[in-house]
PDB file of N, CA and C in Angstrom:
ATOM      1  N   MET A   1      18.103   6.818  22.054  1.00  0.00           N
ATOM      2  CA  MET A   1      17.007   6.101  21.460  1.00  0.00           C
ATOM      3  C   MET A   1      17.575   4.865  20.748  1.00  0.00           C
ATOM      4  N   PRO A   2      17.070   3.662  21.031  1.00  0.00           N
ATOM      5  CA  PRO A   2      17.603   2.460  20.396  1.00  0.00           C
ATOM      6  C   PRO A   2      17.185   2.383  18.932  1.00  0.00           C
ATOM      7  N   GLU A   3      18.076   1.845  18.109  1.00  0.00           N
ATOM      8  CA  GLU A   3      17.782   1.702  16.692  1.00  0.00           C
ATOM      9  C   GLU A   3      16.893   0.491  16.466  1.00  0.00           C
ATOM     10  N   GLN A   4      16.029   0.594  15.454  1.00  0.00           N
ATOM     11  CA  GLN A   4      15.163  -0.523  15.090  1.00  0.00           C
ATOM     12  C   GLN A   4      15.979  -1.522  14.270  1.00  0.00           C
ATOM     13  N   PRO A   5      15.800  -2.831  14.520  1.00  0.00           N
ATOM     14  CA  PRO A   5      16.525  -3.819  13.718  1.00  0.00           C
ATOM     15  C   PRO A   5      16.026  -3.811  12.276  1.00  0.00           C
ATOM     16  N   ALA A   6      16.933  -4.074  11.369  1.00  0.00           N
ATOM     17  CA  ALA A   6      16.582  -4.117   9.959  1.00  0.00           C
ATOM     18  C   ALA A   6      15.686  -5.319   9.695  1.00  0.00           C
ATOM     19  N   PRO A   7      14.714  -5.183   8.783  1.00  0.00           N
ATOM     20  CA  PRO A   7      13.862  -6.320   8.463  1.00  0.00           C
ATOM     21  C   PRO A   7      14.693  -7.490   7.949  1.00  0.00           C
ATOM     22  N   GLY A   8      14.420  -8.671   8.464  1.00  0.00           N
ATOM     23  CA  GLY A   8      15.149  -9.865   8.053  1.00  0.00           C
ATOM     24  C   GLY A   8      16.403 -10.121   8.857  1.00  0.00           C
ATOM     25  N   SER A   9      16.779  -9.186   9.724  1.00  0.00           N
ATOM     26  CA  SER A   9      17.979  -9.379  10.526  1.00  0.00           C
ATOM     27  C   SER A   9      17.690 -10.353  11.662  1.00  0.00           C
ATOM     28  N   PRO A  10      18.718 -10.941  12.267  1.00  0.00           N
ATOM     29  CA  PRO A  10      18.489 -11.882  13.367  1.00  0.00           C
ATOM     30  C   PRO A  10      17.741 -11.260  14.543  1.00  0.00           C
ATOM     31  N   GLN A  11      17.928  -9.965  14.795  1.00  0.00           N
ATOM     32  CA  GLN A  11      17.215  -9.324  15.898  1.00  0.00           C
ATOM     33  C   GLN A  11      15.728  -9.182  15.587  1.00  0.00           C
ATOM     34  N   ASP A  12      15.386  -9.044  14.307  1.00  0.00           N
ATOM     35  CA  ASP A  12      14.001  -8.863  13.903  1.00  0.00           C
ATOM     36  C   ASP A  12      13.239 -10.185  13.874  1.00  0.00           C
ATOM     37  N   SER A  13      13.925 -11.312  13.796  1.00  0.00           N
ATOM     38  CA  SER A  13      13.255 -12.594  13.638  1.00  0.00           C
ATOM     39  C   SER A  13      12.373 -12.935  14.826  1.00  0.00           C
ATOM     40  N   GLY A  14      12.697 -12.470  16.001  1.00  0.00           N
ATOM     41  CA  GLY A  14      11.871 -12.739  17.171  1.00  0.00           C
ATOM     42  C   GLY A  14      10.525 -12.041  17.095  1.00  0.00           C
ATOM     43  N   GLN A  15      10.483 -10.879  16.461  1.00  0.00           N
ATOM     44  CA  GLN A  15       9.239 -10.138  16.340  1.00  0.00           C
ATOM     45  C   GLN A  15       8.328 -10.754  15.284  1.00  0.00           C
ATOM     46  N   ARG A  16       8.882 -11.336  14.244  1.00  0.00           N
ATOM     47  CA  ARG A  16       8.088 -11.893  13.144  1.00  0.00           C
ATOM     48  C   ARG A  16       7.845 -13.389  13.289  1.00  0.00           C
ATOM     49  N   GLU A  17       8.395 -14.004  14.314  1.00  0.00           N
ATOM     50  CA  GLU A  17       8.245 -15.444  14.474  1.00  0.00           C
ATOM     51  C   GLU A  17       6.772 -15.784  14.673  1.00  0.00           C
ATOM     52  N   GLY A  18       6.273 -16.672  13.859  1.00  0.00           N
ATOM     53  CA  GLY A  18       4.884 -17.080  13.948  1.00  0.00           C
ATOM     54  C   GLY A  18       3.917 -16.190  13.196  1.00  0.00           C
ATOM     55  N   MET A  19       4.395 -15.093  12.644  1.00  0.00           N
ATOM     56  CA  MET A  19       3.510 -14.173  11.932  1.00  0.00           C
ATOM     57  C   MET A  19       3.198 -14.648  10.518  1.00  0.00           C
ATOM     58  N   GLU A  20       3.973 -15.587   9.996  1.00  0.00           N
ATOM     59  CA  GLU A  20       3.717 -16.086   8.648  1.00  0.00           C
ATOM     60  C   GLU A  20       2.338 -16.728   8.574  1.00  0.00           C
ATOM     61  N   PHE A  21       1.992 -17.504   9.610  1.00  0.00           N
ATOM     62  CA  PHE A  21       0.679 -18.140   9.635  1.00  0.00           C
ATOM     63  C   PHE A  21      -0.425 -17.091   9.707  1.00  0.00           C
ATOM     64  N   ALA A  22      -0.223 -16.061  10.492  1.00  0.00           N
ATOM     65  CA  ALA A  22      -1.226 -15.000  10.604  1.00  0.00           C
ATOM     66  C   ALA A  22      -1.389 -14.276   9.268  1.00  0.00           C
ATOM     67  N   ASP A  23      -0.272 -13.996   8.599  1.00  0.00           N
ATOM     68  CA  ASP A  23      -0.336 -13.336   7.296  1.00  0.00           C
ATOM     69  C   ASP A  23      -1.046 -14.216   6.274  1.00  0.00           C
ATOM     70  N   ALA A  24      -0.709 -15.509   6.263  1.00  0.00           N
ATOM     71  CA  ALA A  24      -1.327 -16.432   5.312  1.00  0.00           C
ATOM     72  C   ALA A  24      -2.822 -16.571   5.563  1.00  0.00           C
ATOM     73  N   SER A  25      -3.215 -16.671   6.812  1.00  0.00           N
ATOM     74  CA  SER A  25      -4.646 -16.808   7.101  1.00  0.00           C
ATOM     75  C   SER A  25      -5.402 -15.534   6.755  1.00  0.00           C
ATOM     76  N   LEU A  26      -4.776 -14.385   6.923  1.00  0.00           N
ATOM     77  CA  LEU A  26      -5.408 -13.128   6.540  1.00  0.00           C
ATOM     78  C   LEU A  26      -5.645 -13.078   5.034  1.00  0.00           C
ATOM     79  N   TRP A  27      -4.632 -13.450   4.260  1.00  0.00           N
ATOM     80  CA  TRP A  27      -4.787 -13.438   2.801  1.00  0.00           C
ATOM     81  C   TRP A  27      -5.794 -14.490   2.336  1.00  0.00           C
ATOM     82  N   LEU A  28      -5.801 -15.667   2.972  1.00  0.00           N
ATOM     83  CA  LEU A  28      -6.785 -16.680   2.597  1.00  0.00           C
ATOM     84  C   LEU A  28      -8.201 -16.200   2.879  1.00  0.00           C
ATOM     85  N   SER A  29      -8.402 -15.539   3.998  1.00  0.00           N
ATOM     86  CA  SER A  29      -9.748 -15.038   4.293  1.00  0.00           C
ATOM     87  C   SER A  29     -10.171 -13.979   3.280  1.00  0.00           C
ATOM     88  N   ARG A  30      -9.253 -13.142   2.864  1.00  0.00           N
ATOM     89  CA  ARG A  30      -9.583 -12.128   1.854  1.00  0.00           C
ATOM     90  C   ARG A  30      -9.942 -12.772   0.521  1.00  0.00           C
ATOM     91  N   ILE A  31      -9.152 -13.760   0.121  1.00  0.00           N
ATOM     92  CA  ILE A  31      -9.389 -14.417  -1.164  1.00  0.00           C
ATOM     93  C   ILE A  31     -10.718 -15.159  -1.144  1.00  0.00           C
ATOM     94  N   PHE A  32     -10.958 -15.940  -0.084  1.00  0.00           N
ATOM     95  CA  PHE A  32     -12.193 -16.708  -0.031  1.00  0.00           C
ATOM     96  C   PHE A  32     -13.423 -15.821   0.127  1.00  0.00           C
ATOM     97  N   THR A  33     -13.281 -14.705   0.794  1.00  0.00           N
ATOM     98  CA  THR A  33     -14.415 -13.785   0.932  1.00  0.00           C
ATOM     99  C   THR A  33     -14.801 -13.208  -0.417  1.00  0.00           C
ATOM    100  N   ALA A  34     -13.833 -13.009  -1.289  1.00  0.00           N
ATOM    101  CA  ALA A  34     -14.119 -12.442  -2.598  1.00  0.00           C
ATOM    102  C   ALA A  34     -14.574 -13.498  -3.608  1.00  0.00           C
ATOM    103  N   ILE A  35     -14.121 -14.752  -3.480  1.00  0.00           N
ATOM    104  CA  ILE A  35     -14.391 -15.775  -4.489  1.00  0.00           C
ATOM    105  C   ILE A  35     -15.609 -16.637  -4.167  1.00  0.00           C
ATOM    106  N   VAL A  36     -15.779 -16.998  -2.917  1.00  0.00           N
ATOM    107  CA  VAL A  36     -16.827 -17.947  -2.539  1.00  0.00           C
ATOM    108  C   VAL A  36     -18.238 -17.476  -2.920  1.00  0.00           C
ATOM    109  N   PRO A  37     -18.614 -16.205  -2.735  1.00  0.00           N
ATOM    110  CA  PRO A  37     -19.972 -15.807  -3.147  1.00  0.00           C
ATOM    111  C   PRO A  37     -20.247 -16.053  -4.634  1.00  0.00           C
ATOM    112  N   GLY A  38     -19.265 -15.824  -5.476  1.00  0.00           N
ATOM    113  CA  GLY A  38     -19.443 -16.089  -6.901  1.00  0.00           C
ATOM    114  C   GLY A  38     -19.598 -17.571  -7.196  1.00  0.00           C
ATOM    115  N   LEU A  39     -18.818 -18.400  -6.505  1.00  0.00           N
ATOM    116  CA  LEU A  39     -18.938 -19.843  -6.710  1.00  0.00           C
ATOM    117  C   LEU A  39     -20.286 -20.373  -6.217  1.00  0.00           C
ATOM    118  N   ILE A  40     -20.761 -19.845  -5.113  1.00  0.00           N
ATOM    119  CA  ILE A  40     -22.086 -20.241  -4.618  1.00  0.00           C
ATOM    120  C   ILE A  40     -23.159 -19.805  -5.613  1.00  0.00           C
ATOM    121  N   GLY A  41     -23.005 -18.618  -6.179  1.00  0.00           N
ATOM    122  CA  GLY A  41     -23.951 -18.152  -7.192  1.00  0.00           C
ATOM    123  C   GLY A  41     -23.952 -19.042  -8.426  1.00  0.00           C
ATOM    124  N   LEU A  42     -22.783 -19.473  -8.862  1.00  0.00           N
ATOM    125  CA  LEU A  42     -22.709 -20.399  -9.999  1.00  0.00           C
ATOM    126  C   LEU A  42     -23.404 -21.719  -9.682  1.00  0.00           C
ATOM    127  N   TRP A  43     -23.187 -22.222  -8.478  1.00  0.00           N
ATOM    128  CA  TRP A  43     -23.816 -23.477  -8.078  1.00  0.00           C
ATOM    129  C   TRP A  43     -25.339 -23.322  -8.043  1.00  0.00           C
ATOM    130  N   LEU A  44     -25.830 -22.199  -7.500  1.00  0.00           N
ATOM    131  CA  LEU A  44     -27.277 -21.971  -7.454  1.00  0.00           C
ATOM    132  C   LEU A  44     -27.854 -21.833  -8.856  1.00  0.00           C
ATOM    133  N   ASP A  45     -27.137 -21.157  -9.750  1.00  0.00           N
ATOM    134  CA  ASP A  45     -27.603 -21.041 -11.131  1.00  0.00           C
ATOM    135  C   ASP A  45     -27.694 -22.407 -11.792  1.00  0.00           C
ATOM    136  N   ASP A  46     -26.692 -23.241 -11.569  1.00  0.00           N
ATOM    137  CA  ASP A  46     -26.696 -24.582 -12.157  1.00  0.00           C
ATOM    138  C   ASP A  46     -27.824 -25.432 -11.572  1.00  0.00           C
ATOM    139  N   ARG A  47     -28.047 -25.311 -10.291  1.00  0.00           N
ATOM    140  CA  ARG A  47     -29.055 -26.132  -9.612  1.00  0.00           C
ATOM    141  C   ARG A  47     -30.476 -25.736 -10.011  1.00  0.00           C
ATOM    142  N   TYR A  48     -30.750 -24.434 -10.087  1.00  0.00           N
ATOM    143  CA  TYR A  48     -32.106 -23.970 -10.356  1.00  0.00           C
ATOM    144  C   TYR A  48     -32.330 -23.485 -11.788  1.00  0.00           C
ATOM    145  N   GLY A  49     -31.289 -23.508 -12.621  1.00  0.00           N
ATOM    146  CA  GLY A  49     -31.434 -23.114 -14.012  1.00  0.00           C
ATOM    147  C   GLY A  49     -31.644 -21.622 -14.205  1.00  0.00           C
ATOM    148  N   THR A  50     -31.113 -20.823 -13.317  1.00  0.00           N
ATOM    149  CA  THR A  50     -31.256 -19.375 -13.430  1.00  0.00           C
ATOM    150  C   THR A  50     -29.950 -18.773 -13.943  1.00  0.00           C
ATOM    151  N   LYS A  51     -29.955 -17.460 -14.123  1.00  0.00           N
ATOM    152  CA  LYS A  51     -28.747 -16.791 -14.607  1.00  0.00           C
ATOM    153  C   LYS A  51     -28.364 -15.585 -13.770  1.00  0.00           C
ATOM    154  N   TYR A  52     -29.031 -15.330 -12.669  1.00  0.00           N
ATOM    155  CA  TYR A  52     -28.756 -14.112 -11.926  1.00  0.00           C
ATOM    156  C   TYR A  52     -28.031 -14.339 -10.605  1.00  0.00           C
ATOM    157  N   PHE A  53     -28.021 -15.552 -10.053  1.00  0.00           N
ATOM    158  CA  PHE A  53     -27.329 -15.785  -8.786  1.00  0.00           C
ATOM    159  C   PHE A  53     -25.817 -15.591  -8.916  1.00  0.00           C
ATOM    160  N   ALA A  54     -25.245 -15.971 -10.057  1.00  0.00           N
ATOM    161  CA  ALA A  54     -23.798 -15.780 -10.261  1.00  0.00           C
ATOM    162  C   ALA A  54     -23.462 -14.295 -10.291  1.00  0.00           C
ATOM    163  N   LEU A  55     -24.321 -13.499 -10.903  1.00  0.00           N
ATOM    164  CA  LEU A  55     -24.100 -12.051 -10.952  1.00  0.00           C
ATOM    165  C   LEU A  55     -24.191 -11.444  -9.549  1.00  0.00           C
ATOM    166  N   ILE A  56     -25.179 -11.875  -8.788  1.00  0.00           N
ATOM    167  CA  ILE A  56     -25.313 -11.397  -7.411  1.00  0.00           C
ATOM    168  C   ILE A  56     -24.090 -11.799  -6.591  1.00  0.00           C
ATOM    169  N   GLY A  57     -23.654 -13.048  -6.742  1.00  0.00           N
ATOM    170  CA  GLY A  57     -22.468 -13.512  -6.028  1.00  0.00           C
ATOM    171  C   GLY A  57     -21.222 -12.752  -6.434  1.00  0.00           C
ATOM    172  N   LEU A  58     -21.095 -12.446  -7.721  1.00  0.00           N
ATOM    173  CA  LEU A  58     -19.954 -11.678  -8.204  1.00  0.00           C
ATOM    174  C   LEU A  58     -19.944 -10.274  -7.593  1.00  0.00           C
ATOM    175  N   VAL A  59     -21.100  -9.635  -7.549  1.00  0.00           N
ATOM    176  CA  VAL A  59     -21.183  -8.285  -6.971  1.00  0.00           C
ATOM    177  C   VAL A  59     -20.854  -8.331  -5.481  1.00  0.00           C
ATOM    178  N   LEU A  60     -21.411  -9.309  -4.756  1.00  0.00           N
ATOM    179  CA  LEU A  60     -21.117  -9.427  -3.327  1.00  0.00           C
ATOM    180  C   LEU A  60     -19.637  -9.715  -3.084  1.00  0.00           C
ATOM    181  N   GLY A  61     -19.057 -10.609  -3.884  1.00  0.00           N
ATOM    182  CA  GLY A  61     -17.642 -10.927  -3.730  1.00  0.00           C
ATOM    183  C   GLY A  61     -16.746  -9.747  -4.054  1.00  0.00           C
ATOM    184  N   LEU A  62     -17.076  -9.022  -5.107  1.00  0.00           N
ATOM    185  CA  LEU A  62     -16.291  -7.845  -5.480  1.00  0.00           C
ATOM    186  C   LEU A  62     -16.387  -6.768  -4.403  1.00  0.00           C
ATOM    187  N   THR A  63     -17.580  -6.576  -3.873  1.00  0.00           N
ATOM    188  CA  THR A  63     -17.770  -5.581  -2.820  1.00  0.00           C
ATOM    189  C   THR A  63     -16.978  -5.947  -1.570  1.00  0.00           C
ATOM    190  N   SER A  64     -17.053  -7.200  -1.157  1.00  0.00           N
ATOM    191  CA  SER A  64     -16.312  -7.601   0.040  1.00  0.00           C
ATOM    192  C   SER A  64     -14.806  -7.541  -0.198  1.00  0.00           C
ATOM    193  N   GLY A  65     -14.359  -7.857  -1.399  1.00  0.00           N
ATOM    194  CA  GLY A  65     -12.934  -7.744  -1.716  1.00  0.00           C
ATOM    195  C   GLY A  65     -12.452  -6.305  -1.653  1.00  0.00           C
ATOM    196  N   ILE A  66     -13.253  -5.390  -2.160  1.00  0.00           N
ATOM    197  CA  ILE A  66     -12.887  -3.972  -2.109  1.00  0.00           C
ATOM    198  C   ILE A  66     -12.859  -3.481  -0.663  1.00  0.00           C
ATOM    199  N   LEU A  67     -13.834  -3.898   0.139  1.00  0.00           N
ATOM    200  CA  LEU A  67     -13.849  -3.505   1.549  1.00  0.00           C
ATOM    201  C   LEU A  67     -12.631  -4.042   2.293  1.00  0.00           C
ATOM    202  N   HIS A  68     -12.221  -5.284   2.007  1.00  0.00           N
ATOM    203  CA  HIS A  68     -11.008  -5.825   2.616  1.00  0.00           C
ATOM    204  C   HIS A  68      -9.777  -5.021   2.196  1.00  0.00           C
ATOM    205  N   PHE A  69      -9.728  -4.637   0.915  1.00  0.00           N
ATOM    206  CA  PHE A  69      -8.595  -3.851   0.432  1.00  0.00           C
ATOM    207  C   PHE A  69      -8.532  -2.500   1.129  1.00  0.00           C
ATOM    208  N   ILE A  70      -9.674  -1.838   1.273  1.00  0.00           N
ATOM    209  CA  ILE A  70      -9.712  -0.536   1.948  1.00  0.00           C
ATOM    210  C   ILE A  70      -9.278  -0.684   3.398  1.00  0.00           C
ATOM    211  N   GLN A  71      -9.761  -1.735   4.060  1.00  0.00           N
ATOM    212  CA  GLN A  71      -9.390  -1.958   5.453  1.00  0.00           C
ATOM    213  C   GLN A  71      -7.890  -2.221   5.591  1.00  0.00           C
ATOM    214  N   ALA A  72      -7.318  -2.968   4.655  1.00  0.00           N
ATOM    215  CA  ALA A  72      -5.897  -3.302   4.731  1.00  0.00           C
ATOM    216  C   ALA A  72      -5.012  -2.092   4.466  1.00  0.00           C
ATOM    217  N   THR A  73      -5.471  -1.169   3.648  1.00  0.00           N
ATOM    218  CA  THR A  73      -4.645  -0.023   3.279  1.00  0.00           C
ATOM    219  C   THR A  73      -5.071   1.257   3.985  1.00  0.00           C
ATOM    220  N   LYS A  74      -5.831   1.148   5.033  1.00  0.00           N
ATOM    221  CA  LYS A  74      -6.395   2.313   5.710  1.00  0.00           C
ATOM    222  C   LYS A  74      -5.335   3.328   6.150  1.00  0.00           C
ATOM    223  N   GLY A  75      -4.271   2.901   6.766  1.00  0.00           N
ATOM    224  CA  GLY A  75      -3.292   3.844   7.287  1.00  0.00           C
ATOM    225  C   GLY A  75      -2.070   4.031   6.417  1.00  0.00           C
ATOM    226  N   VAL A  76      -2.047   3.455   5.238  1.00  0.00           N
ATOM    227  CA  VAL A  76      -0.846   3.495   4.406  1.00  0.00           C
ATOM    228  C   VAL A  76      -0.593   4.884   3.825  1.00  0.00           C
ATOM    229  N   PHE A  77      -1.633   5.597   3.448  1.00  0.00           N
ATOM    230  CA  PHE A  77      -1.454   6.856   2.729  1.00  0.00           C
ATOM    231  C   PHE A  77      -1.596   8.093   3.608  1.00  0.00           C
ATOM    232  N   LYS A  78      -1.578   7.918   4.923  1.00  0.00           N
ATOM    233  CA  LYS A  78      -1.669   9.067   5.816  1.00  0.00           C
ATOM    234  C   LYS A  78      -0.307   9.723   5.964  1.00  0.00           C
ATOM    235  N   LYS A  79      -0.310  11.025   6.170  1.00  0.00           N
ATOM    236  CA  LYS A  79       0.932  11.726   6.458  1.00  0.00           C
ATOM    237  C   LYS A  79       1.344  11.390   7.882  1.00  0.00           C
ATOM    238  N   PRO A  80       2.641  11.340   8.160  1.00  0.00           N
ATOM    239  CA  PRO A  80       3.105  10.931   9.489  1.00  0.00           C
ATOM    240  C   PRO A  80       2.532  11.735  10.644  1.00  0.00           C
ATOM    241  N   GLY A  81       2.305  13.027  10.511  1.00  0.00           N
ATOM    242  CA  GLY A  81       1.824  13.837  11.619  1.00  0.00           C
ATOM    243  C   GLY A  81       0.323  14.025  11.640  1.00  0.00           C
ATOM    244  N   SER A  82      -0.398  13.490  10.658  1.00  0.00           N
ATOM    245  CA  SER A  82      -1.841  13.738  10.596  1.00  0.00           C
ATOM    246  C   SER A  82      -2.594  12.832  11.560  1.00  0.00           C
ATOM    247  N   ARG A  83      -3.755  13.320  11.972  1.00  0.00           N
ATOM    248  CA  ARG A  83      -4.604  12.563  12.887  1.00  0.00           C
ATOM    249  C   ARG A  83      -5.894  12.208  12.167  1.00  0.00           C
ATOM    250  N   SER A  84      -6.439  11.038  12.485  1.00  0.00           N
ATOM    251  CA  SER A  84      -7.702  10.652  11.872  1.00  0.00           C
ATOM    252  C   SER A  84      -8.845  11.367  12.571  1.00  0.00           C
ATOM    253  N   ALA A  85     -10.037  11.288  12.002  1.00  0.00           N
ATOM    254  CA  ALA A  85     -11.199  11.956  12.577  1.00  0.00           C
ATOM    255  C   ALA A  85     -11.515  11.395  13.959  1.00  0.00           C
ATOM    256  N   SER A  86     -11.336  10.094  14.141  1.00  0.00           N
ATOM    257  CA  SER A  86     -11.639   9.508  15.448  1.00  0.00           C
ATOM    258  C   SER A  86     -10.624   9.962  16.500  1.00  0.00           C
ATOM    259  N   GLN A  87      -9.382  10.164  16.096  1.00  0.00           N
ATOM    260  CA  GLN A  87      -8.370  10.628  17.041  1.00  0.00           C
ATOM    261  C   GLN A  87      -8.576  12.092  17.388  1.00  0.00           C
ATOM    262  N   SER A  88      -8.994  12.914  16.434  1.00  0.00           N
ATOM    263  CA  SER A  88      -9.148  14.337  16.687  1.00  0.00           C
ATOM    264  C   SER A  88     -10.384  14.622  17.538  1.00  0.00           C
ATOM    265  N   SER A  89     -11.367  13.715  17.527  1.00  0.00           N
ATOM    266  CA  SER A  89     -12.565  13.942  18.329  1.00  0.00           C
ATOM    267  C   SER A  89     -12.374  13.530  19.783  1.00  0.00           C
ATOM    268  N   GLU A  90     -11.300  12.804  20.076  1.00  0.00           N
ATOM    269  CA  GLU A  90     -11.035  12.403  21.459  1.00  0.00           C
ATOM    270  C   GLU A  90     -10.636  13.633  22.256  1.00  0.00           C
ATOM    271  N   ARG A  91     -11.048  13.649  23.491  1.00  0.00           N
ATOM    272  CA  ARG A  91     -10.707  14.781  24.349  1.00  0.00           C
ATOM    273  C   ARG A  91      -9.306  14.619  24.889  1.00  0.00           C
ATOM    274  N   ARG A  92      -8.600  15.712  24.889  1.00  0.00           N
ATOM    275  CA  ARG A  92      -7.266  15.717  25.473  1.00  0.00           C
ATOM    276  C   ARG A  92      -7.375  16.080  26.942  1.00  0.00           C
ATOM    277  N   PRO A  93      -6.517  15.511  27.781  1.00  0.00           N
ATOM    278  CA  PRO A  93      -6.545  15.889  29.186  1.00  0.00           C
ATOM    279  C   PRO A  93      -6.073  17.331  29.342  1.00  0.00           C
ATOM    280  N   PRO A  94      -6.661  18.076  30.285  1.00  0.00           N
ATOM    281  CA  PRO A  94      -6.278  19.491  30.463  1.00  0.00           C
ATOM    282  C   PRO A  94      -4.885  19.656  30.992  1.00  0.00           C
TER     283      PRO A  94
END
C-alpha cells in the first residue's frame, strides 16, 4: 500500500494546486451569506424608518451561517467505521 504524502510536502503540492482559490471562495460565500442579510436589513430600516428589518436580516444571516457551519463540519465528528443513515439505507448487492 503506498504511503500518503505529508501535507505541505512536494508530492502533496500537486493535489492542492489551485485549491487556495476554491477555499477562499468557499469562505467568502459563507461570510457574505451570514453578513449581507443584516446589511440589507439595516439599509431597509434606514430607508423606510423602521426598526425590524435589521433584526430579520440578522436572524436570516445567523441561520444561514449556522447551516453553512453544519454543512462544513458534517463528517468531522463521525467514527471511522460508522455509516450515515443514507449509506445504511442503500441496498447491498447479494
